[in-house]
Amino acid sequence: HYVVTGGGHPFGDRVMREPNIVCGNSNLSALDALPEAQDLVRWMIHDQANMRPSAAAAALHPFFWSDAKKLQFLLDASDRVESEEAGHPLVVQLEDVAARVIPCGNWSQELDE
């Protein structure tokens, strides 16, 4: 978090940092433009220590994947979904969260030019 945000801390400034840690009050909004980084930091600061990743697990997080690996993952996931029937649990789960991923409902509007 510190490196990606240029010195920010997920639990705030020095004065409120310790109370925020104790209460579990983090703020990852500085990472809104980097959803992979936000997901990784959220995982790493989980309030239950047994839910936090090991260093080895964190190193495998998609935040550290190359663009080529991310693209290949999306292509593989797309192929898998397309091979399933409409009522398959995988398809249903993806459709349930589709509006959160693409709020406008149109993929082409979300792609970089």
Foldseek 3Di string as FASTA:
>chain_A
DCVVLVGADQQGDPVRNVVCLVVVPGDPVSCVVPVQVSVLVCQQSPNDPVSHDDPVVSCPGPSNDDPVVVVVVVVVVVVVLVVDDCPPPVNVVCVVCVCVVPVVPDVVVVDDD
